[in-house]
Amino acid sequence: MRWSKSFLPTLRDDPSDAEAVSHKLLLRAGFMRQLMAGVYTLLPMGYRVAQKITEIVRHEMNELGGQEFKLPTLHPREIWDKSGRWDVMGQEMFRFEDRRGSDVGLGMTAEEIFAHLASELRSYKQMPQIWYQIHTKYRDEARPKSGLLRVREFTMKDSYSLDIEEEGLDYAFDQHFKAYRKIFKRIGFEPVAVEASSGAMGGSQSVEFMLRSDAGEDWIAACEACGYAANVEKATSAIPAVNDAGPDALEKFATPGVRTIADLETFEGGAPGFKQIKTLVYMIDTKPVLLLLRGDDSLSEQKLIDTVEAEEMRPATPEEVKAALGALPGSLGAVGVSEHFIIADESLRGHTKMTTGANEDDFHLRGVSVERDIDVKAWLDLREVKDGEACVQCGKALSVYKTIEVGHIFKLGTKYSEAMGANVLDQNGKARPIIMGSYGIGIERSLAAVVETCNDENGIVWPVNVAPFEVVITVVKPKNVECMEVGERIYDALIGFGIDVLLDDRDERPGVKFKDADLIGFPYRLTVGPKGIADGKVELRTRRDGETDDLDIDRAAETIMETVLAERR
């Protein structure tokens, strides 16, 4: 392809509304354009990268024995109602009525549809199966942001394993885990695999693949010493030793104007955060439930959702709090409360001489012994792990940092097969629900993640495997007949060798061409100029490290071919 005939609209400056590095660079380098909030057009360069990522994903799925499908994007409400997720997905699902008045949704994921298709399987002899698609998905994100990292329309590879035994699911899960490692390495980055919440997907286990980035919105806790890693929605840390400092006798005292943990820390006669009991009130299936944490800890709502079975769960309103405990937030406590269910975080077990609200506005209690004074009905892990806390496995310090989720794999079990009636006969002729796994990778999100990882002050630095073109041939003086002849000869030879090459034949200043090539991020730039030709040489520059080599014109194409092939994976 010739640059002069290509649509490659580069921009000089960063767009004012872009914050993430990938968002800025993909716009500036002419890979995409925004159509509306959370919806982007991939321009030719962007689409070439997306296709290369897609082919890497497709190759690894086929290596697992996967069979590729193309499912509809329009889904009838009835099939989502069977699993109960039509209502669970809420406003994130695009919904509308067709001309017949039937409810229709745009597919966010495809567990229901694949489970519906799996109902055509009849016997254990047809197991195992791996089915997948690479297709457009839709989610009505409340806050689309960061370019391709949080969008409303995207391409996703979702695959599904179908087995009759739990051991088969375990094997498929492990095989997908390994395949994902290969995929991400070939794409150009190596994420951390972390324990994660299964959320609305359900199932017994899930693992997220997380790439460290300030542009991410997920937080993980990781231990460099032993390799432990988990999403903060799932992570645990070693519980610190009980601190027994403080008064032992239960005493009520006035705290006028104290409304927060921080207020009580600075109040004369108050207590530090770790010696306070934080009391939260949640409405769980319409009943008020008290949640107790240490004052310096924060509730992980996802942990609560994952461990407490409920159809409805939300924080209580101030009016509901007042009705339940007789005081407003800021003066709440669980001492003497018997009419409401109380759940305490494990970090409070054994703690004495604590301070908490007295359930009377502007009053608190000190000298509280959690197990003596509070009727705890359940002890759960509810708290968010913090940076620097001790690893639960080895005791070394945990690091908590922001990440981008680039992949997620789930053990679904029989949730969807039971809902859809997807049963097969086992060896004894008994009908059993198919055991499913679900495995997802976002194509455009992976593209953006590469850019988040592979960039410098001059632009993108594409790995060879996913670069829009592996080589750009920059003809310094395209009006010079000899320069163009040499450039075109090497260009034709590289095409013959199967190398993706772009010929920059634009009538632009060399500096402009060089800046554009660096911004776009081609792995190799071959410069053809009159001075070099006079010596029988052309210059090959590596984008990654800026190193240059003078190549003999007659051997240039072969040398570049060997270099590129050595980097392909």
Protein backbone atom coordinates (compact mmCIF):
# COMPACT_ATOMS: atom_id res chain seq x y z
CA MET A 1 0.00 0.00 0.00
CA ARG A 2 1.15 3.50 -0.81
CA TRP A 3 0.81 6.22 1.80
CA SER A 4 -0.24 8.79 -0.80
CA LYS A 5 -3.33 6.67 -1.57
CA SER A 6 -4.15 5.80 2.05
CA PHE A 7 -6.55 7.38 4.52
CA LEU A 8 -4.25 8.10 7.44
CA PRO A 9 -5.42 11.32 9.12
CA THR A 10 -2.78 12.03 11.79
CA LEU A 11 -3.20 14.92 14.23
CA ARG A 12 -0.48 17.22 15.55
CA ASP A 13 -1.87 17.70 19.07
CA ASP A 14 -3.59 15.54 21.68
CA PRO A 15 -7.41 15.80 21.62
CA SER A 16 -8.55 17.95 24.54
CA ASP A 17 -11.13 15.42 25.80
CA ALA A 18 -8.78 12.40 25.83
CA GLU A 19 -7.15 11.30 29.10
CA ALA A 20 -5.90 7.74 28.62
CA VAL A 21 -2.64 7.36 26.68
CA SER A 22 -4.25 4.90 24.25
CA HIS A 23 -7.18 7.26 23.65
CA LYS A 24 -4.84 10.15 22.77
CA LEU A 25 -2.49 8.14 20.56
CA LEU A 26 -5.12 6.15 18.67
CA LEU A 27 -6.86 9.39 17.73
CA ARG A 28 -3.67 11.29 16.92
CA ALA A 29 -2.18 8.46 14.88
CA GLY A 30 -5.31 8.04 12.77
CA PHE A 31 -6.45 4.64 14.04
CA MET A 32 -9.98 5.63 15.04
CA ARG A 33 -12.55 8.41 15.23
CA GLN A 34 -15.42 8.90 17.68
CA LEU A 35 -18.96 8.76 16.31
CA MET A 36 -20.71 9.37 19.65
CA ALA A 37 -20.08 8.68 23.32
CA GLY A 38 -18.65 5.18 23.65
CA VAL A 39 -18.88 4.41 19.93
CA TYR A 40 -15.83 4.51 17.65
CA THR A 41 -15.07 3.94 14.00
CA LEU A 42 -11.89 1.96 13.39
CA LEU A 43 -10.09 3.57 10.47
CA PRO A 44 -8.04 1.37 8.10
CA MET A 45 -4.92 1.29 10.31
CA GLY A 46 -6.97 0.51 13.41
CA TYR A 47 -8.93 -2.17 11.61
CA ARG A 48 -5.73 -3.84 10.41
CA VAL A 49 -4.52 -4.11 14.01
CA ALA A 50 -7.89 -5.43 15.17
CA GLN A 51 -7.84 -8.06 12.42
CA LYS A 52 -4.37 -9.22 13.45
CA ILE A 53 -5.43 -9.53 17.08
CA THR A 54 -8.54 -11.39 15.95
CA GLU A 55 -6.49 -13.86 13.94
CA ILE A 56 -4.18 -14.54 16.90
CA VAL A 57 -7.21 -15.20 19.09
CA ARG A 58 -8.85 -17.35 16.42
CA HIS A 59 -5.67 -19.40 15.93
CA GLU A 60 -5.35 -20.19 19.64
CA MET A 61 -9.05 -21.07 19.94
CA ASN A 62 -8.77 -23.41 16.98
CA GLU A 63 -5.71 -24.98 18.58
CA LEU A 64 -7.96 -25.89 21.52
CA GLY A 65 -10.36 -27.61 19.14
CA GLY A 66 -12.82 -24.73 19.20
CA GLN A 67 -15.60 -24.50 16.62
CA GLU A 68 -16.47 -21.00 15.45
CA PHE A 69 -20.07 -19.77 15.33
CA LYS A 70 -21.71 -16.53 14.31
CA LEU A 71 -24.64 -15.82 16.61
CA PRO A 72 -27.31 -13.15 16.13
CA THR A 73 -26.95 -9.81 17.86
CA LEU A 74 -30.72 -9.48 18.38
CA HIS A 75 -31.91 -11.60 21.31
CA PRO A 76 -35.53 -12.18 22.32
CA ARG A 77 -36.45 -11.35 25.91
CA GLU A 78 -37.80 -14.85 26.50
CA ILE A 79 -34.41 -16.52 26.36
CA TRP A 80 -32.88 -14.04 28.84
CA ASP A 81 -35.90 -14.41 31.12
CA LYS A 82 -35.18 -18.12 31.40
CA SER A 83 -31.87 -17.39 33.10
CA GLY A 84 -33.30 -14.48 35.07
CA ARG A 85 -30.82 -12.02 33.60
CA TRP A 86 -33.19 -9.80 31.61
CA ASP A 87 -33.94 -7.91 34.82
CA VAL A 88 -30.49 -8.42 36.38
CA MET A 89 -28.73 -6.66 33.50
CA GLY A 90 -30.92 -3.61 33.96
CA GLN A 91 -30.08 -0.52 31.95
CA GLU A 92 -26.78 -1.91 30.69
CA MET A 93 -28.67 -3.91 28.06
CA PHE A 94 -29.93 -2.02 25.04
CA ARG A 95 -33.63 -2.94 24.73
CA PHE A 96 -36.48 -2.04 22.45
CA GLU A 97 -39.77 -3.31 21.10
CA ASP A 98 -40.00 -4.58 17.55
CA ARG A 99 -42.97 -3.74 15.32
CA ARG A 100 -44.90 -6.66 16.80
CA GLY A 101 -44.49 -5.33 20.33
CA SER A 102 -42.03 -8.04 21.37
CA ASP A 103 -39.16 -7.14 23.72
CA VAL A 104 -35.75 -7.48 22.10
CA GLY A 105 -32.24 -6.85 23.45
CA LEU A 106 -28.87 -6.33 21.83
CA GLY A 107 -26.52 -9.09 22.97
CA MET A 108 -24.09 -8.20 25.77
CA THR A 109 -22.80 -11.75 26.03
CA ALA A 110 -23.97 -15.12 24.79
CA GLU A 111 -24.27 -17.64 27.63
CA GLU A 112 -28.02 -17.95 27.13
CA ILE A 113 -27.79 -18.37 23.37
CA PHE A 114 -25.04 -20.98 23.43
CA ALA A 115 -26.83 -22.90 26.22
CA HIS A 116 -29.98 -22.79 24.10
CA LEU A 117 -28.04 -24.29 21.17
CA ALA A 118 -26.48 -26.88 23.48
CA SER A 119 -29.96 -28.26 24.16
CA GLU A 120 -29.60 -30.04 20.80
CA LEU A 121 -26.82 -32.21 22.20
CA ARG A 122 -28.10 -35.62 23.29
CA SER A 123 -25.35 -37.87 24.65
CA TYR A 124 -22.22 -37.81 26.80
CA LYS A 125 -20.48 -39.26 23.75
CA GLN A 126 -20.67 -35.81 22.15
CA MET A 127 -18.72 -34.29 25.04
CA PRO A 128 -16.56 -32.30 25.40
CA GLN A 129 -17.24 -29.39 23.08
CA ILE A 130 -15.67 -25.95 22.75
CA TRP A 131 -17.75 -23.38 20.90
CA TYR A 132 -16.79 -19.78 20.24
CA GLN A 133 -17.55 -16.64 18.27
CA ILE A 134 -15.82 -13.33 17.57
CA HIS A 135 -18.66 -10.88 17.29
CA THR A 136 -20.05 -7.44 18.11
CA LYS A 137 -21.47 -6.87 21.60
CA TYR A 138 -23.39 -3.94 23.07
CA ARG A 139 -23.50 -2.47 26.59
CA ASP A 140 -25.14 0.81 27.48
CA GLU A 141 -22.29 2.00 29.67
CA ALA A 142 -23.31 4.73 32.09
CA ARG A 143 -19.89 6.41 31.76
CA PRO A 144 -18.14 5.50 28.53
CA LYS A 145 -14.57 6.82 28.78
CA SER A 146 -10.90 6.27 27.95
CA GLY A 147 -11.44 5.62 24.25
CA LEU A 148 -11.68 1.91 23.49
CA LEU A 149 -11.32 0.86 27.13
CA ARG A 150 -14.92 1.59 28.13
CA VAL A 151 -17.32 1.61 25.19
CA ARG A 152 -20.89 0.80 24.27
CA GLU A 153 -20.17 -1.25 21.15
CA PHE A 154 -17.22 -3.63 20.90
CA THR A 155 -15.95 -6.89 19.45
CA MET A 156 -15.51 -9.82 21.78
CA LYS A 157 -14.28 -13.37 21.54
CA ASP A 158 -16.47 -15.44 23.81
CA SER A 159 -15.94 -19.17 23.99
CA TYR A 160 -17.81 -21.84 25.91
CA SER A 161 -16.78 -25.28 27.07
CA LEU A 162 -19.40 -28.00 27.39
CA ASP A 163 -18.76 -31.07 29.53
CA ILE A 164 -20.62 -33.69 31.51
CA GLU A 165 -18.13 -34.01 34.38
CA GLU A 166 -16.59 -31.39 36.67
CA GLU A 167 -13.16 -32.74 35.75
CA GLY A 168 -13.87 -31.83 32.15
CA LEU A 169 -14.68 -28.25 33.14
CA ASP A 170 -11.48 -28.08 35.20
CA TYR A 171 -9.47 -29.25 32.18
CA ALA A 172 -11.16 -26.81 29.77
CA PHE A 173 -10.65 -23.96 32.24
CA ASP A 174 -6.96 -24.80 32.54
CA GLN A 175 -6.57 -25.08 28.75
CA HIS A 176 -8.20 -21.69 28.23
CA PHE A 177 -5.98 -20.21 30.94
CA LYS A 178 -2.89 -21.42 29.06
CA ALA A 179 -4.28 -20.28 25.71
CA TYR A 180 -4.92 -16.80 27.10
CA ARG A 181 -1.33 -16.61 28.29
CA LYS A 182 -0.20 -17.41 24.74
CA ILE A 183 -2.62 -14.93 23.17
CA PHE A 184 -1.55 -12.01 25.33
CA LYS A 185 2.14 -12.78 24.89
CA ARG A 186 1.71 -12.87 21.12
CA ILE A 187 -0.28 -9.63 21.18
CA GLY A 188 2.49 -7.90 23.10
CA PHE A 189 1.87 -7.83 26.86
CA GLU A 190 1.76 -10.18 29.83
CA PRO A 191 -1.07 -9.46 32.29
CA VAL A 192 -1.41 -10.73 35.85
CA ALA A 193 -3.96 -13.50 36.41
CA VAL A 194 -6.06 -12.77 39.49
CA GLU A 195 -8.89 -14.32 41.45
CA ALA A 196 -12.08 -12.44 40.70
CA SER A 197 -15.75 -12.18 41.50
CA SER A 198 -18.08 -13.91 39.04
CA GLY A 199 -20.67 -11.14 39.45
CA ALA A 200 -23.79 -11.39 37.30
CA MET A 201 -22.25 -14.25 35.29
CA GLY A 202 -22.49 -16.61 38.24
CA GLY A 203 -20.50 -19.79 38.68
CA SER A 204 -18.01 -21.21 41.14
CA GLN A 205 -14.73 -19.62 40.04
CA SER A 206 -13.40 -16.91 37.79
CA VAL A 207 -10.01 -15.51 36.86
CA GLU A 208 -9.34 -12.07 35.38
CA PHE A 209 -6.30 -11.16 33.32
CA MET A 210 -5.27 -7.69 34.44
CA LEU A 211 -2.76 -5.30 32.89
CA ARG A 212 -1.24 -2.67 35.16
CA SER A 213 -2.20 0.80 33.91
CA ASP A 214 -3.25 4.16 35.32
CA ALA A 215 -5.98 4.15 32.69
CA GLY A 216 -7.63 1.13 34.29
CA GLU A 217 -10.67 1.17 36.54
CA ASP A 218 -10.14 -2.13 38.33
CA TRP A 219 -7.91 -2.43 41.39
CA ILE A 220 -5.97 -5.57 42.26
CA ALA A 221 -3.87 -6.64 45.22
CA ALA A 222 -0.71 -8.50 44.26
CA CYS A 223 2.28 -9.94 46.09
CA GLU A 224 5.55 -9.85 44.18
CA ALA A 225 7.14 -12.26 46.66
CA CYS A 226 4.87 -15.28 46.18
CA GLY A 227 2.70 -14.37 43.17
CA TYR A 228 -0.63 -14.11 44.99
CA ALA A 229 -2.99 -11.78 43.12
CA ALA A 230 -6.69 -11.01 43.33
CA ASN A 231 -9.15 -8.32 42.38
CA VAL A 232 -9.85 -6.13 45.43
CA GLU A 233 -13.42 -7.42 45.18
CA LYS A 234 -12.00 -10.83 46.12
CA ALA A 235 -8.60 -10.16 47.72
CA THR A 236 -7.78 -10.96 51.33
CA SER A 237 -4.85 -10.02 53.54
CA ALA A 238 -3.44 -11.26 56.82
CA ILE A 239 -5.54 -9.87 59.67
CA PRO A 240 -3.40 -7.70 61.97
CA ALA A 241 -3.03 -8.62 65.62
CA VAL A 242 -5.67 -7.36 68.06
CA ASN A 243 -4.79 -4.02 69.67
CA ASP A 244 -6.08 -3.97 73.28
CA ALA A 245 -5.26 -0.35 74.09
CA GLY A 246 -8.08 1.75 75.55
CA PRO A 247 -10.73 1.65 78.29
CA ASP A 248 -12.36 -1.67 79.11
CA ALA A 249 -15.61 -0.61 80.78
CA LEU A 250 -18.55 0.24 78.53
CA GLU A 251 -19.11 4.01 78.73
CA LYS A 252 -21.41 6.38 76.85
CA PHE A 253 -20.03 9.82 76.06
CA ALA A 254 -21.20 12.89 74.17
CA THR A 255 -19.79 13.60 70.70
CA PRO A 256 -21.55 16.73 69.44
CA GLY A 257 -21.07 17.32 65.73
CA VAL A 258 -19.18 14.05 65.17
CA ARG A 259 -20.46 12.45 61.98
CA THR A 260 -17.53 10.52 60.49
CA ILE A 261 -14.68 8.21 61.43
CA ALA A 262 -12.27 11.08 60.80
CA ASP A 263 -14.30 13.39 63.08
CA LEU A 264 -14.03 10.90 65.94
CA GLU A 265 -10.30 10.49 65.38
CA THR A 266 -9.70 14.19 66.05
CA PHE A 267 -12.37 14.57 68.74
CA GLU A 268 -11.01 14.92 72.29
CA GLY A 269 -11.53 11.58 73.96
CA GLY A 270 -12.22 9.90 70.63
CA ALA A 271 -10.32 6.98 69.08
CA PRO A 272 -8.11 6.22 66.07
CA GLY A 273 -9.79 4.60 63.10
CA PHE A 274 -8.54 1.09 63.86
CA LYS A 275 -10.14 1.30 67.33
CA GLN A 276 -13.56 2.29 65.98
CA ILE A 277 -16.40 0.08 64.76
CA LYS A 278 -17.98 1.33 61.56
CA THR A 279 -21.69 0.44 61.33
CA LEU A 280 -23.38 0.35 57.93
CA VAL A 281 -27.04 -0.44 57.33
CA TYR A 282 -28.06 -2.29 54.17
CA MET A 283 -31.52 -3.30 53.04
CA ILE A 284 -31.23 -6.97 52.11
CA ASP A 285 -34.46 -8.39 50.71
CA THR A 286 -36.30 -5.40 52.28
CA LYS A 287 -34.91 -6.06 55.80
CA PRO A 288 -32.30 -3.87 57.53
CA VAL A 289 -29.02 -5.67 58.15
CA LEU A 290 -26.11 -4.19 60.12
CA LEU A 291 -22.61 -4.54 58.67
CA LEU A 292 -19.69 -3.96 61.03
CA LEU A 293 -16.13 -3.14 59.95
CA ARG A 294 -13.10 -1.64 61.58
CA GLY A 295 -13.22 2.15 61.31
CA ASP A 296 -10.21 2.40 59.00
CA ASP A 297 -11.57 -0.25 56.61
CA SER A 298 -13.89 0.10 53.61
CA LEU A 299 -16.68 -2.25 52.61
CA SER A 300 -16.21 -4.29 49.45
CA GLU A 301 -19.81 -4.38 48.27
CA GLN A 302 -19.00 -7.13 45.78
CA LYS A 303 -17.79 -9.38 48.60
CA LEU A 304 -21.13 -8.80 50.32
CA ILE A 305 -23.03 -9.61 47.12
CA ASP A 306 -20.96 -12.75 46.55
CA THR A 307 -21.38 -14.13 50.07
CA VAL A 308 -24.94 -13.13 51.01
CA GLU A 309 -27.66 -14.67 48.87
CA ALA A 310 -30.33 -12.07 48.19
CA GLU A 311 -32.64 -10.94 45.43
CA GLU A 312 -32.26 -7.28 46.39
CA MET A 313 -29.46 -5.45 48.19
CA ARG A 314 -28.76 -1.73 48.63
CA PRO A 315 -27.57 0.80 51.23
CA ALA A 316 -30.40 1.96 53.48
CA THR A 317 -31.63 5.53 53.14
CA PRO A 318 -31.17 7.93 56.10
CA GLU A 319 -34.89 7.56 56.82
CA GLU A 320 -34.62 3.75 56.87
CA VAL A 321 -31.54 3.97 59.11
CA LYS A 322 -33.39 6.24 61.56
CA ALA A 323 -36.36 3.90 61.66
CA ALA A 324 -34.16 0.86 62.28
CA LEU A 325 -31.75 2.23 64.89
CA GLY A 326 -33.20 5.50 66.14
CA ALA A 327 -30.24 7.62 64.99
CA LEU A 328 -28.76 8.98 61.78
CA PRO A 329 -25.49 7.86 60.18
CA GLY A 330 -22.56 9.10 62.24
CA SER A 331 -23.92 7.85 65.57
CA LEU A 332 -24.74 4.25 64.68
CA GLY A 333 -23.71 1.11 66.52
CA ALA A 334 -24.71 -2.48 67.17
CA VAL A 335 -24.32 -2.69 70.95
CA GLY A 336 -27.55 -4.04 72.46
CA VAL A 337 -29.22 -4.45 69.07
CA SER A 338 -31.15 -7.73 68.91
CA GLU A 339 -33.98 -7.08 66.46
CA HIS A 340 -31.76 -6.87 63.35
CA PHE A 341 -29.34 -9.33 61.75
CA ILE A 342 -25.70 -8.33 62.37
CA ILE A 343 -22.76 -9.30 60.15
CA ALA A 344 -19.21 -8.45 61.29
CA ASP A 345 -15.99 -8.44 59.31
CA GLU A 346 -13.47 -11.06 60.40
CA SER A 347 -10.96 -8.33 61.28
CA LEU A 348 -13.15 -7.40 64.29
CA ARG A 349 -13.10 -10.86 65.83
CA GLY A 350 -11.58 -10.75 69.31
CA HIS A 351 -11.36 -6.96 69.47
CA THR A 352 -12.02 -5.21 72.77
CA LYS A 353 -11.89 -1.63 74.05
CA MET A 354 -13.43 -0.32 70.84
CA THR A 355 -15.52 2.79 70.19
CA THR A 356 -18.80 2.89 68.27
CA GLY A 357 -21.99 4.90 67.89
CA ALA A 358 -24.58 4.74 70.66
CA ASN A 359 -27.63 4.82 68.35
CA GLU A 360 -28.36 8.27 69.73
CA ASP A 361 -27.40 11.32 67.70
CA ASP A 362 -24.22 12.98 69.05
CA PHE A 363 -23.34 10.11 71.39
CA HIS A 364 -20.85 7.23 71.21
CA LEU A 365 -19.81 4.25 73.33
CA ARG A 366 -16.24 3.40 74.35
CA GLY A 367 -14.89 0.23 75.96
CA VAL A 368 -16.83 -2.01 73.57
CA SER A 369 -15.92 -5.70 73.41
CA VAL A 370 -17.21 -6.96 70.06
CA GLU A 371 -18.02 -10.49 71.15
CA ARG A 372 -19.22 -9.50 74.64
CA ASP A 373 -21.43 -6.56 73.70
CA ILE A 374 -22.62 -7.28 70.16
CA ASP A 375 -24.85 -10.14 69.01
CA VAL A 376 -22.95 -11.00 65.81
CA LYS A 377 -24.88 -13.52 63.72
CA ALA A 378 -22.28 -14.04 60.97
CA TRP A 379 -18.56 -13.39 60.51
CA LEU A 380 -17.57 -12.67 56.91
CA ASP A 381 -14.70 -11.18 54.92
CA LEU A 382 -16.19 -7.84 53.92
CA ARG A 383 -13.28 -5.40 53.84
CA GLU A 384 -11.23 -4.07 50.95
CA VAL A 385 -7.54 -4.90 51.11
CA LYS A 386 -5.19 -1.91 51.36
CA ASP A 387 -1.74 -1.28 49.92
CA GLY A 388 1.06 -2.48 52.18
CA GLU A 389 -0.98 -5.01 54.15
CA ALA A 390 0.51 -8.46 54.70
CA CYS A 391 -0.03 -11.15 52.07
CA VAL A 392 -2.27 -13.92 53.35
CA GLN A 393 0.04 -16.53 51.81
CA CYS A 394 3.56 -15.36 52.64
CA GLY A 395 3.26 -12.34 54.92
CA LYS A 396 5.09 -9.94 52.59
CA ALA A 397 3.61 -6.57 51.68
CA LEU A 398 0.81 -6.44 49.10
CA SER A 399 0.73 -3.84 46.35
CA VAL A 400 -2.66 -2.44 45.35
CA TYR A 401 -2.78 -0.79 41.93
CA LYS A 402 -5.04 0.07 38.99
CA THR A 403 -5.40 -2.32 36.08
CA ILE A 404 -7.19 -2.88 32.79
CA GLU A 405 -9.16 -6.11 32.53
CA VAL A 406 -8.14 -7.72 29.22
CA GLY A 407 -9.69 -11.15 29.71
CA HIS A 408 -12.00 -13.06 32.05
CA ILE A 409 -12.66 -16.79 32.35
CA PHE A 410 -15.50 -18.36 34.36
CA LYS A 411 -16.56 -21.76 35.63
CA LEU A 412 -20.30 -21.40 35.07
CA GLY A 413 -21.36 -24.87 36.13
CA THR A 414 -24.97 -25.74 35.27
CA LYS A 415 -26.64 -22.33 35.81
CA TYR A 416 -27.44 -21.73 32.14
CA SER A 417 -27.86 -25.33 30.99
CA GLU A 418 -30.48 -25.94 33.66
CA ALA A 419 -32.30 -22.74 32.71
CA MET A 420 -32.29 -23.67 29.01
CA GLY A 421 -32.95 -27.39 29.45
CA ALA A 422 -29.57 -28.35 27.99
CA ASN A 423 -29.25 -31.94 29.21
CA VAL A 424 -27.44 -34.98 27.86
CA LEU A 425 -27.74 -38.64 28.72
CA ASP A 426 -24.83 -40.06 30.74
CA GLN A 427 -23.40 -43.60 30.58
CA ASN A 428 -26.36 -44.87 32.59
CA GLY A 429 -28.98 -43.22 30.41
CA LYS A 430 -29.74 -40.53 33.01
CA ALA A 431 -30.32 -36.96 31.87
CA ARG A 432 -27.78 -34.54 33.34
CA PRO A 433 -27.33 -30.81 32.78
CA ILE A 434 -24.29 -29.81 30.72
CA ILE A 435 -21.48 -28.24 32.75
CA MET A 436 -20.34 -24.98 31.13
CA GLY A 437 -17.38 -22.63 31.20
CA SER A 438 -17.27 -19.16 29.66
CA TYR A 439 -14.16 -17.33 28.42
CA GLY A 440 -13.97 -13.77 27.06
CA ILE A 441 -11.45 -11.43 25.42
CA GLY A 442 -12.27 -7.96 24.05
CA ILE A 443 -10.59 -7.27 20.71
CA GLU A 444 -10.59 -3.46 20.74
CA ARG A 445 -9.79 -3.39 24.45
CA SER A 446 -6.75 -5.58 23.76
CA LEU A 447 -5.76 -3.17 21.00
CA ALA A 448 -5.93 -0.24 23.42
CA ALA A 449 -4.08 -2.24 26.09
CA VAL A 450 -1.16 -2.77 23.70
CA VAL A 451 -0.93 0.98 23.20
CA GLU A 452 -1.12 1.60 26.96
CA THR A 453 1.88 -0.70 27.35
CA CYS A 454 3.83 -0.01 24.16
CA ASN A 455 4.40 3.71 23.73
CA ASP A 456 6.96 6.46 24.28
CA GLU A 457 7.14 10.24 24.00
CA ASN A 458 7.02 10.02 20.18
CA GLY A 459 3.97 7.77 19.81
CA ILE A 460 2.98 4.11 19.62
CA VAL A 461 5.54 1.29 19.50
CA TRP A 462 3.68 -1.64 17.96
CA PRO A 463 4.93 -5.22 18.45
CA VAL A 464 5.51 -6.87 15.09
CA ASN A 465 2.66 -9.35 15.53
CA VAL A 466 -0.07 -6.72 15.64
CA ALA A 467 1.45 -3.72 13.85
CA PRO A 468 -0.72 -2.33 11.05
CA PHE A 469 2.36 -2.62 8.83
CA GLU A 470 5.59 -4.24 9.91
CA VAL A 471 7.74 -1.98 7.78
CA VAL A 472 7.38 1.51 6.34
CA ILE A 473 9.66 2.48 3.48
CA THR A 474 10.25 6.22 3.67
CA VAL A 475 11.38 7.65 0.35
CA VAL A 476 13.04 10.94 1.31
CA LYS A 477 12.77 12.50 -2.17
CA PRO A 478 9.92 10.81 -4.05
CA LYS A 479 10.46 13.11 -7.06
CA ASN A 480 13.95 11.68 -7.42
CA VAL A 481 13.55 8.87 -9.97
CA GLU A 482 16.39 6.77 -8.57
CA CYS A 483 15.07 7.06 -4.99
CA MET A 484 11.59 5.95 -6.02
CA GLU A 485 12.96 3.12 -8.13
CA VAL A 486 14.98 1.71 -5.22
CA GLY A 487 12.08 2.18 -2.80
CA GLU A 488 9.62 0.42 -5.09
CA ARG A 489 12.04 -2.43 -5.82
CA ILE A 490 12.47 -3.17 -2.10
CA TYR A 491 8.73 -2.67 -1.55
CA ASP A 492 7.84 -5.27 -4.22
CA ALA A 493 10.41 -7.73 -2.84
CA LEU A 494 9.04 -7.44 0.70
CA ILE A 495 5.50 -8.01 -0.52
CA GLY A 496 6.77 -11.11 -2.29
CA PHE A 497 8.27 -12.30 1.01
CA GLY A 498 4.91 -11.89 2.76
CA ILE A 499 5.91 -8.82 4.78
CA ASP A 500 3.31 -6.14 5.54
CA VAL A 501 4.88 -3.01 4.10
CA LEU A 502 3.73 0.56 3.49
CA LEU A 503 5.50 2.78 0.95
CA ASP A 504 5.65 6.41 2.07
CA ASP A 505 5.71 8.13 -1.29
CA ARG A 506 4.24 11.44 -0.08
CA ASP A 507 5.74 14.70 -1.24
CA GLU A 508 6.41 15.86 2.33
CA ARG A 509 9.47 17.05 4.24
CA PRO A 510 11.53 14.15 5.67
CA GLY A 511 10.94 15.40 9.22
CA VAL A 512 7.17 15.18 8.77
CA LYS A 513 7.46 11.64 7.43
CA PHE A 514 9.72 10.52 10.26
CA LYS A 515 7.41 12.01 12.91
CA ASP A 516 4.36 10.35 11.37
CA ALA A 517 6.13 6.98 11.23
CA ASP A 518 7.09 7.25 14.91
CA LEU A 519 3.62 8.43 15.93
CA ILE A 520 1.92 5.54 14.15
CA GLY A 521 4.53 3.16 15.51
CA PHE A 522 5.69 0.94 12.63
CA PRO A 523 8.24 -1.53 14.06
CA TYR A 524 10.76 -0.84 11.26
CA ARG A 525 11.42 2.18 9.08
CA LEU A 526 13.58 1.84 5.97
CA THR A 527 14.85 5.21 4.77
CA VAL A 528 15.72 5.57 1.09
CA GLY A 529 17.61 8.77 0.24
CA PRO A 530 20.00 10.06 -2.43
CA LYS A 531 23.04 10.14 -0.12
CA GLY A 532 22.63 6.52 0.91
CA ILE A 533 21.93 5.34 -2.62
CA ALA A 534 25.17 6.94 -3.76
CA ASP A 535 26.96 4.57 -1.35
CA GLY A 536 24.73 1.61 -2.22
CA LYS A 537 23.01 1.76 1.19
CA VAL A 538 19.59 2.25 2.79
CA GLU A 539 19.00 2.82 6.52
CA LEU A 540 16.91 0.48 8.69
CA ARG A 541 15.70 1.96 11.98
CA THR A 542 14.09 -0.07 14.76
CA ARG A 543 11.22 1.83 16.37
CA ARG A 544 11.53 0.08 19.73
CA ASP A 545 15.07 1.21 20.59
CA GLY A 546 15.93 3.68 17.82
CA GLU A 547 18.93 1.66 16.65
CA THR A 548 19.92 2.04 12.99
CA ASP A 549 21.76 -0.18 10.52
CA ASP A 550 22.99 0.56 7.02
CA LEU A 551 21.92 -2.21 4.65
CA ASP A 552 23.20 -3.02 1.21
CA ILE A 553 20.48 -2.14 -1.26
CA ASP A 554 20.69 -5.52 -2.98
CA ARG A 555 20.32 -7.41 0.33
CA ALA A 556 17.94 -5.03 2.11
CA ALA A 557 14.71 -6.92 1.42
CA GLU A 558 16.16 -10.29 2.50
CA THR A 559 17.65 -8.80 5.67
CA ILE A 560 14.38 -7.13 6.64
CA MET A 561 12.43 -10.30 5.91
CA GLU A 562 14.72 -12.34 8.16
CA THR A 563 14.49 -9.72 10.93
CA VAL A 564 10.70 -9.53 10.83
CA LEU A 565 10.17 -13.28 10.68
CA ALA A 566 12.45 -13.73 13.68
CA GLU A 567 10.13 -11.48 15.71
CA ARG A 568 6.84 -12.99 14.62
CA ARG A 569 5.31 -15.40 17.12
